[in-house]
Amino acid sequence: MNRTRRLAALTLLAAPALAVGPAMAAQAATTTAPAAATCNVEVDSAGKYHLWGQGFPAGTTVTYSGSTSGSVTVNKQGRFDLGGLSGNTYVVKTADGKTTVNCTPVMH
């Protein structure tokens, strides 16, 4: 009889913990999702353009095309930064082709 009571008490204690587990796992998955990749371009004081982006896979290479084209390595924080470009219309693509971003002109 004692054994049955202990098992019932243990079941009452364990059931809520088991029910919370999947909910916590679902929340963790949504909070660790990478940020959406964004890209911006603006004119600097010398009349050249500055292109930068964030939310890209860290350590990969992205290509940019538009008025000027080339490639740049994304840093550990998922960002890249270029200056001295001509023109303000750019598209950035990841090397694997999974992400394409039209860069937004920023006016100050």
C-alpha atoms as a PDB file:
ATOM      1  CA  MET A   1       0.000   0.000   0.000  1.00  0.00           C
ATOM      2  CA  ASN A   2       2.801   2.359   0.864  1.00  0.00           C
ATOM      3  CA  ARG A   3       4.412   1.672  -2.474  1.00  0.00           C
ATOM      4  CA  THR A   4       1.195   2.538  -4.370  1.00  0.00           C
ATOM      5  CA  ARG A   5       0.886   5.869  -2.555  1.00  0.00           C
ATOM      6  CA  ARG A   6       4.491   6.776  -3.321  1.00  0.00           C
ATOM      7  CA  LEU A   7       4.013   5.947  -6.985  1.00  0.00           C
ATOM      8  CA  ALA A   8       0.848   8.075  -7.147  1.00  0.00           C
ATOM      9  CA  ALA A   9       2.649  11.003  -5.484  1.00  0.00           C
ATOM     10  CA  LEU A  10       5.575  10.674  -7.853  1.00  0.00           C
ATOM     11  CA  THR A  11       3.207  10.637 -10.830  1.00  0.00           C
ATOM     12  CA  LEU A  12       1.542  13.837  -9.605  1.00  0.00           C
ATOM     13  CA  LEU A  13       4.941  15.526  -9.306  1.00  0.00           C
ATOM     14  CA  ALA A  14       6.357  14.289 -12.622  1.00  0.00           C
ATOM     15  CA  ALA A  15       3.328  14.877 -14.871  1.00  0.00           C
ATOM     16  CA  PRO A  16       3.448  18.712 -14.802  1.00  0.00           C
ATOM     17  CA  ALA A  17       7.200  18.691 -15.504  1.00  0.00           C
ATOM     18  CA  LEU A  18       6.701  16.419 -18.512  1.00  0.00           C
ATOM     19  CA  ALA A  19       3.909  18.628 -19.848  1.00  0.00           C
ATOM     20  CA  VAL A  20       6.034  21.801 -19.578  1.00  0.00           C
ATOM     21  CA  GLY A  21       9.036  20.251 -21.380  1.00  0.00           C
ATOM     22  CA  PRO A  22       7.649  20.446 -24.962  1.00  0.00           C
ATOM     23  CA  ALA A  23       6.366  23.989 -24.403  1.00  0.00           C
ATOM     24  CA  MET A  24       9.788  25.125 -23.188  1.00  0.00           C
ATOM     25  CA  ALA A  25      11.487  23.424 -26.133  1.00  0.00           C
ATOM     26  CA  ALA A  26       9.140  25.156 -28.586  1.00  0.00           C
ATOM     27  CA  GLN A  27       9.870  28.536 -27.028  1.00  0.00           C
ATOM     28  CA  ALA A  28      13.627  27.927 -27.126  1.00  0.00           C
ATOM     29  CA  ALA A  29      13.419  27.110 -30.828  1.00  0.00           C
ATOM     30  CA  THR A  30      11.698  30.395 -31.623  1.00  0.00           C
ATOM     31  CA  THR A  31      14.045  32.560 -29.578  1.00  0.00           C
ATOM     32  CA  THR A  32      17.209  31.134 -31.166  1.00  0.00           C
ATOM     33  CA  ALA A  33      16.051  31.558 -34.761  1.00  0.00           C
ATOM     34  CA  PRO A  34      18.429  33.749 -36.791  1.00  0.00           C
ATOM     35  CA  ALA A  35      17.408  37.277 -37.609  1.00  0.00           C
ATOM     36  CA  ALA A  36      16.144  37.963 -41.102  1.00  0.00           C
ATOM     37  CA  ALA A  37      18.904  39.197 -43.376  1.00  0.00           C
ATOM     38  CA  THR A  38      18.763  42.902 -44.199  1.00  0.00           C
ATOM     39  CA  CYS A  39      20.871  45.189 -46.353  1.00  0.00           C
ATOM     40  CA  ASN A  40      21.148  48.999 -46.482  1.00  0.00           C
ATOM     41  CA  VAL A  41      22.940  51.497 -48.699  1.00  0.00           C
ATOM     42  CA  GLU A  42      23.555  55.209 -48.159  1.00  0.00           C
ATOM     43  CA  VAL A  43      25.592  57.997 -49.697  1.00  0.00           C
ATOM     44  CA  ASP A  44      28.576  59.267 -47.693  1.00  0.00           C
ATOM     45  CA  SER A  45      29.954  62.795 -47.481  1.00  0.00           C
ATOM     46  CA  ALA A  46      32.351  62.163 -50.409  1.00  0.00           C
ATOM     47  CA  GLY A  47      29.498  61.173 -52.730  1.00  0.00           C
ATOM     48  CA  LYS A  48      30.363  57.461 -52.629  1.00  0.00           C
ATOM     49  CA  TYR A  49      28.015  54.767 -51.340  1.00  0.00           C
ATOM     50  CA  HIS A  50      28.251  52.675 -48.192  1.00  0.00           C
ATOM     51  CA  LEU A  51      26.685  49.184 -48.227  1.00  0.00           C
ATOM     52  CA  TRP A  52      26.124  47.092 -45.096  1.00  0.00           C
ATOM     53  CA  GLY A  53      24.049  44.126 -44.048  1.00  0.00           C
ATOM     54  CA  GLN A  54      23.220  41.933 -41.060  1.00  0.00           C
ATOM     55  CA  GLY A  55      21.527  38.616 -40.305  1.00  0.00           C
ATOM     56  CA  PHE A  56      23.567  36.613 -42.822  1.00  0.00           C
ATOM     57  CA  PRO A  57      25.221  33.248 -41.986  1.00  0.00           C
ATOM     58  CA  ALA A  58      28.455  33.982 -40.098  1.00  0.00           C
ATOM     59  CA  GLY A  59      31.717  33.253 -41.888  1.00  0.00           C
ATOM     60  CA  THR A  60      30.134  32.879 -45.322  1.00  0.00           C
ATOM     61  CA  THR A  61      30.621  34.995 -48.428  1.00  0.00           C
ATOM     62  CA  VAL A  62      27.902  37.126 -49.963  1.00  0.00           C
ATOM     63  CA  THR A  63      27.935  38.631 -53.428  1.00  0.00           C
ATOM     64  CA  TYR A  64      26.578  42.074 -54.159  1.00  0.00           C
ATOM     65  CA  SER A  65      25.512  43.317 -57.558  1.00  0.00           C
ATOM     66  CA  GLY A  66      24.128  46.551 -58.883  1.00  0.00           C
ATOM     67  CA  SER A  67      26.032  49.666 -59.873  1.00  0.00           C
ATOM     68  CA  THR A  68      29.177  47.825 -58.707  1.00  0.00           C
ATOM     69  CA  SER A  69      29.562  44.110 -58.020  1.00  0.00           C
ATOM     70  CA  GLY A  70      31.819  41.892 -55.952  1.00  0.00           C
ATOM     71  CA  SER A  71      31.859  39.711 -52.869  1.00  0.00           C
ATOM     72  CA  VAL A  72      32.568  40.161 -49.173  1.00  0.00           C
ATOM     73  CA  THR A  73      32.976  37.847 -46.163  1.00  0.00           C
ATOM     74  CA  VAL A  74      30.361  37.985 -43.422  1.00  0.00           C
ATOM     75  CA  ASN A  75      31.816  38.386 -39.897  1.00  0.00           C
ATOM     76  CA  LYS A  76      31.066  36.278 -36.781  1.00  0.00           C
ATOM     77  CA  GLN A  77      28.066  38.461 -35.942  1.00  0.00           C
ATOM     78  CA  GLY A  78      26.485  37.886 -39.374  1.00  0.00           C
ATOM     79  CA  ARG A  79      27.373  41.366 -40.685  1.00  0.00           C
ATOM     80  CA  PHE A  80      29.295  42.881 -43.575  1.00  0.00           C
ATOM     81  CA  ASP A  81      30.277  46.479 -44.341  1.00  0.00           C
ATOM     82  CA  LEU A  82      31.627  48.072 -47.558  1.00  0.00           C
ATOM     83  CA  GLY A  83      32.412  51.637 -48.515  1.00  0.00           C
ATOM     84  CA  GLY A  84      33.520  53.606 -51.547  1.00  0.00           C
ATOM     85  CA  LEU A  85      30.959  52.129 -53.949  1.00  0.00           C
ATOM     86  CA  SER A  86      29.215  53.841 -56.851  1.00  0.00           C
ATOM     87  CA  GLY A  87      25.424  53.858 -57.154  1.00  0.00           C
ATOM     88  CA  ASN A  88      22.687  53.115 -54.652  1.00  0.00           C
ATOM     89  CA  THR A  89      20.906  50.069 -56.093  1.00  0.00           C
ATOM     90  CA  TYR A  90      22.189  46.695 -54.857  1.00  0.00           C
ATOM     91  CA  VAL A  91      21.096  43.095 -54.410  1.00  0.00           C
ATOM     92  CA  VAL A  92      22.977  40.812 -51.989  1.00  0.00           C
ATOM     93  CA  LYS A  93      22.963  37.004 -52.298  1.00  0.00           C
ATOM     94  CA  THR A  94      24.441  34.270 -50.134  1.00  0.00           C
ATOM     95  CA  ALA A  95      26.836  31.855 -51.848  1.00  0.00           C
ATOM     96  CA  ASP A  96      24.400  28.950 -51.397  1.00  0.00           C
ATOM     97  CA  GLY A  97      21.658  30.953 -53.144  1.00  0.00           C
ATOM     98  CA  LYS A  98      19.200  30.518 -50.269  1.00  0.00           C
ATOM     99  CA  THR A  99      19.022  34.219 -49.379  1.00  0.00           C
ATOM    100  CA  THR A 100      18.579  37.184 -51.715  1.00  0.00           C
ATOM    101  CA  VAL A 101      18.057  40.679 -50.299  1.00  0.00           C
ATOM    102  CA  ASN A 102      17.272  43.927 -52.119  1.00  0.00           C
ATOM    103  CA  CYS A 103      19.179  46.645 -50.280  1.00  0.00           C
ATOM    104  CA  THR A 104      17.175  49.544 -48.889  1.00  0.00           C
ATOM    105  CA  PRO A 105      18.439  53.085 -49.577  1.00  0.00           C
ATOM    106  CA  VAL A 106      18.827  55.012 -46.314  1.00  0.00           C
ATOM    107  CA  MET A 107      18.486  58.791 -46.406  1.00  0.00           C
ATOM    108  CA  HIS A 108      19.811  61.069 -43.664  1.00  0.00           C
END
